């Protein structure tokens, strides 16, 4: 299974903003944007960010979306192709597809501090969907689906600690969470207003519509 193995902090520096790829670390002074808020490369802090053309802005927005959700180019193209066939707005449909990936839902429920960590937990078989174990991060969950921590995993120190933290958190509006059973439910597909990811999806649509 292909995946990005490089530094997550370099991706944030390339986009010039926090993408929150490393969970709690991104909220501390150790964040790369806080320490080295300039593009990666040989020019170092003396490098400047040039004014971007329309094409460059579209490309950067597409790259930013891919990096936030941890999706490689071929799979991202498939998501866009599927979104473009939907009856609604293509950009909003694309974000819905990305948000309803199992790894993102696990992250949104609070079971992981980052999407990368959520992906790892899913790959290791720590979650079930409607009672069936699923270890595919890109698995698309539907409204009404129940995502739960697998019975064998609930006794682990990690999930016992997570249960204590979740009692003080509230999931996003389109998800519900039962802390006692470590179970989440997809109430509905998220609307664009309910997706707080800082993306200008119209630029992505323009990029693939060239």
Protein backbone atom coordinates (compact mmCIF):
# COMPACT_ATOMS: atom_id res chain seq x y z
CA UNK A 1 0.00 0.00 0.00
CA UNK A 2 1.57 3.29 -1.14
CA UNK A 3 1.86 6.11 1.34
CA UNK A 4 3.93 9.21 2.03
CA UNK A 5 6.93 8.42 4.25
CA UNK A 6 8.60 11.83 4.40
CA UNK A 7 8.46 14.53 7.06
CA UNK A 8 4.98 15.86 7.84
CA UNK A 9 6.43 19.18 8.99
CA UNK A 10 7.97 19.78 5.57
CA UNK A 11 4.49 19.57 4.05
CA UNK A 12 3.19 22.28 6.37
CA UNK A 13 6.17 24.51 5.61
CA UNK A 14 5.64 23.97 1.87
CA UNK A 15 2.04 25.18 2.14
CA UNK A 16 2.98 28.01 4.49
CA UNK A 17 0.39 27.10 7.13
CA UNK A 18 -0.42 24.52 9.77
CA UNK A 19 -2.08 21.41 8.36
CA UNK A 20 -2.20 19.75 11.79
CA UNK A 21 -0.60 16.55 10.52
CA UNK A 22 1.14 15.67 13.79
CA UNK A 23 -1.72 16.01 16.24
CA UNK A 24 -0.97 17.60 19.61
CA UNK A 25 2.56 18.63 18.59
CA UNK A 26 1.05 21.16 16.17
CA UNK A 27 -0.39 23.10 19.12
CA UNK A 28 2.99 23.51 20.84
CA UNK A 29 6.08 25.64 20.29
CA UNK A 30 7.74 22.59 18.68
CA UNK A 31 5.58 23.04 15.57
CA UNK A 32 7.74 23.62 12.50
CA UNK A 33 5.64 26.61 11.41
CA UNK A 34 6.36 28.25 14.77
CA UNK A 35 10.11 27.59 14.51
CA UNK A 36 10.81 27.78 10.76
CA UNK A 37 8.02 29.56 8.95
CA UNK A 38 9.69 29.57 5.55
CA UNK A 39 9.62 27.15 2.59
CA UNK A 40 11.83 24.04 2.74
CA UNK A 41 14.79 23.94 0.40
CA UNK A 42 18.36 25.22 -0.01
CA UNK A 43 17.48 28.91 0.23
CA UNK A 44 16.48 28.66 3.87
CA UNK A 45 14.96 31.69 5.62
CA UNK A 46 16.20 34.00 2.85
CA UNK A 47 13.81 32.36 0.37
CA UNK A 48 10.70 34.31 -0.51
CA UNK A 49 7.24 33.17 -1.52
CA UNK A 50 6.55 34.48 -4.99
CA UNK A 51 3.14 35.62 -6.15
CA UNK A 52 1.31 32.59 -7.48
CA UNK A 53 -0.41 32.30 -10.83
CA UNK A 54 -4.01 31.05 -11.01
CA UNK A 55 -2.76 27.58 -11.96
CA UNK A 56 -0.27 27.54 -9.09
CA UNK A 57 -2.99 28.49 -6.57
CA UNK A 58 -5.22 25.70 -7.87
CA UNK A 59 -2.36 23.20 -7.65
CA UNK A 60 -1.41 24.25 -4.14
CA UNK A 61 -5.02 23.93 -2.93
CA UNK A 62 -5.25 20.45 -4.42
CA UNK A 63 -1.96 19.45 -2.82
CA UNK A 64 -3.06 20.89 0.51
CA UNK A 65 -6.27 18.83 0.45
CA UNK A 66 -4.33 15.67 -0.40
CA UNK A 67 -1.91 16.25 2.44
CA UNK A 68 -4.54 17.08 5.03
CA UNK A 69 -6.45 13.86 4.35
CA UNK A 70 -3.39 11.72 3.60
CA UNK A 71 -4.47 10.72 0.08
CA UNK A 72 -2.15 10.04 -2.85
CA UNK A 73 -2.74 11.53 -6.30
CA UNK A 74 -4.34 8.55 -8.05
CA UNK A 75 -6.85 7.99 -5.27
CA UNK A 76 -7.59 11.72 -5.05
CA UNK A 77 -8.38 11.74 -8.78
CA UNK A 78 -10.83 8.89 -8.25
CA UNK A 79 -12.54 10.83 -5.48
CA UNK A 80 -12.87 13.85 -7.77
CA UNK A 81 -14.24 11.72 -10.61
CA UNK A 82 -16.85 10.27 -8.26
CA UNK A 83 -17.73 13.72 -6.88
CA UNK A 84 -18.13 15.16 -10.37
CA UNK A 85 -20.79 12.54 -11.14
CA UNK A 86 -22.89 13.47 -8.09
CA UNK A 87 -26.03 15.56 -8.39
CA UNK A 88 -24.82 18.21 -5.96
CA UNK A 89 -21.96 20.71 -5.96
CA UNK A 90 -18.76 18.93 -7.00
CA UNK A 91 -16.51 20.62 -4.44
CA UNK A 92 -18.81 19.87 -1.51
CA UNK A 93 -19.29 16.29 -2.71
CA UNK A 94 -15.50 15.85 -2.86
CA UNK A 95 -15.11 17.00 0.75
CA UNK A 96 -17.92 14.67 1.82
CA UNK A 97 -16.09 11.71 0.29
CA UNK A 98 -12.89 12.67 2.07
CA UNK A 99 -14.65 13.27 5.40
CA UNK A 100 -16.44 9.91 5.34
CA UNK A 101 -13.23 7.89 4.99
CA UNK A 102 -12.96 5.58 7.98
CA UNK A 103 -9.62 7.02 9.12
CA UNK A 104 -11.06 10.55 9.07
CA UNK A 105 -14.18 9.48 10.99
CA UNK A 106 -11.98 7.83 13.64
CA UNK A 107 -10.05 11.10 13.89
CA UNK A 108 -13.22 13.21 14.05
CA UNK A 109 -14.62 11.02 16.83
CA UNK A 110 -11.51 11.77 18.89
CA UNK A 111 -10.01 8.28 18.93
CA UNK A 112 -6.78 9.68 17.44
CA UNK A 113 -4.98 13.01 17.65
CA UNK A 114 -4.23 13.11 13.91
CA UNK A 115 -5.45 11.48 10.72
CA UNK A 116 -2.09 9.73 10.36
CA UNK A 117 -2.50 8.14 13.78
CA UNK A 118 -6.10 7.23 12.93
CA UNK A 119 -4.91 5.53 9.75
CA UNK A 120 -2.44 3.46 11.75
CA UNK A 121 -5.08 2.43 14.29
CA UNK A 122 -7.43 1.34 11.51
CA UNK A 123 -4.68 -0.61 9.74
CA UNK A 124 -3.95 -2.47 12.98
CA UNK A 125 -7.56 -3.64 13.18
CA UNK A 126 -8.67 -1.69 16.24
CA UNK A 127 -12.11 -0.73 14.83
CA UNK A 128 -15.31 -2.34 13.63
CA UNK A 129 -17.98 -0.95 11.34
CA UNK A 130 -21.47 -2.29 12.05
CA UNK A 131 -19.91 -5.12 14.03
CA UNK A 132 -17.43 -6.20 11.33
CA UNK A 133 -13.71 -5.55 11.72
CA UNK A 134 -12.43 -3.19 9.02
CA UNK A 135 -8.74 -2.41 8.51
CA UNK A 136 -9.03 -0.28 5.36
CA UNK A 137 -8.45 3.45 6.10
CA UNK A 138 -10.20 4.54 2.89
CA UNK A 139 -13.35 2.52 3.70
CA UNK A 140 -16.34 4.80 3.06
CA UNK A 141 -18.83 4.90 5.93
CA UNK A 142 -22.49 5.62 5.27
CA UNK A 143 -25.10 7.48 7.37
CA UNK A 144 -26.28 5.18 10.15
CA UNK A 145 -22.99 3.26 10.33
CA UNK A 146 -21.63 2.47 13.78
CA UNK A 147 -17.88 2.69 14.30
CA UNK A 148 -16.65 1.04 17.47
CA UNK A 149 -13.37 0.17 19.12
CA UNK A 150 -12.93 -3.60 18.76
CA UNK A 151 -13.71 -5.57 21.91
CA UNK A 152 -10.15 -6.86 22.24
CA UNK A 153 -8.72 -3.34 21.95
CA UNK A 154 -10.87 -1.68 24.61
CA UNK A 155 -8.74 -3.07 27.43
CA UNK A 156 -5.54 -1.53 26.08
CA UNK A 157 -3.95 1.32 28.02
CA UNK A 158 -4.26 3.60 25.00
CA UNK A 159 -8.03 3.31 24.64
CA UNK A 160 -8.59 3.44 28.40
CA UNK A 161 -6.74 6.76 28.45
CA UNK A 162 -8.66 7.96 25.37
CA UNK A 163 -11.98 7.14 27.08
CA UNK A 164 -11.10 9.55 29.91
CA UNK A 165 -10.22 12.32 27.45
CA UNK A 166 -13.34 11.81 25.34
CA UNK A 167 -15.60 12.54 28.30
CA UNK A 168 -14.49 16.19 27.99
CA UNK A 169 -14.83 16.41 24.20
CA UNK A 170 -17.70 16.69 21.78
CA UNK A 171 -17.53 15.24 18.25
CA UNK A 172 -18.52 17.18 15.14
CA UNK A 173 -22.23 17.74 14.49
CA UNK A 174 -22.69 14.91 11.98
CA UNK A 175 -21.32 12.29 14.39
CA UNK A 176 -22.48 11.05 17.78
CA UNK A 177 -20.30 9.35 20.38
CA UNK A 178 -21.02 6.98 23.25
CA UNK A 179 -17.98 7.22 25.53
CA UNK A 180 -19.00 4.28 27.72
CA UNK A 181 -19.05 1.82 24.81
CA UNK A 182 -16.44 3.69 22.70
CA UNK A 183 -18.89 3.70 19.80
CA UNK A 184 -19.60 6.42 17.28
CA UNK A 185 -22.48 6.76 14.82
CA UNK A 186 -22.60 8.61 11.51
CA UNK A 187 -25.79 10.65 11.82
CA UNK A 188 -25.70 12.10 8.29
CA UNK A 189 -23.38 13.18 5.52
CA UNK A 190 -21.62 16.39 6.58
CA UNK A 191 -22.75 19.62 4.94
CA UNK A 192 -20.10 22.08 3.73
CA UNK A 193 -20.84 24.29 6.73
CA UNK A 194 -20.05 21.40 9.07
CA UNK A 195 -16.63 20.74 7.53
CA UNK A 196 -14.07 23.01 9.16
CA UNK A 197 -11.14 22.00 6.95
CA UNK A 198 -9.61 25.28 5.62
CA UNK A 199 -9.90 24.53 1.92
CA UNK A 200 -11.12 26.46 -1.10
CA UNK A 201 -12.57 23.48 -2.91
CA UNK A 202 -13.59 25.55 -5.95
CA UNK A 203 -9.89 25.93 -6.79
CA UNK A 204 -9.58 22.14 -6.80
CA UNK A 205 -12.55 21.85 -9.14
CA UNK A 206 -10.96 24.42 -11.44
CA UNK A 207 -7.65 22.52 -11.38
CA UNK A 208 -9.22 19.26 -12.58
CA UNK A 209 -11.49 21.07 -15.03
CA UNK A 210 -8.67 22.63 -17.04
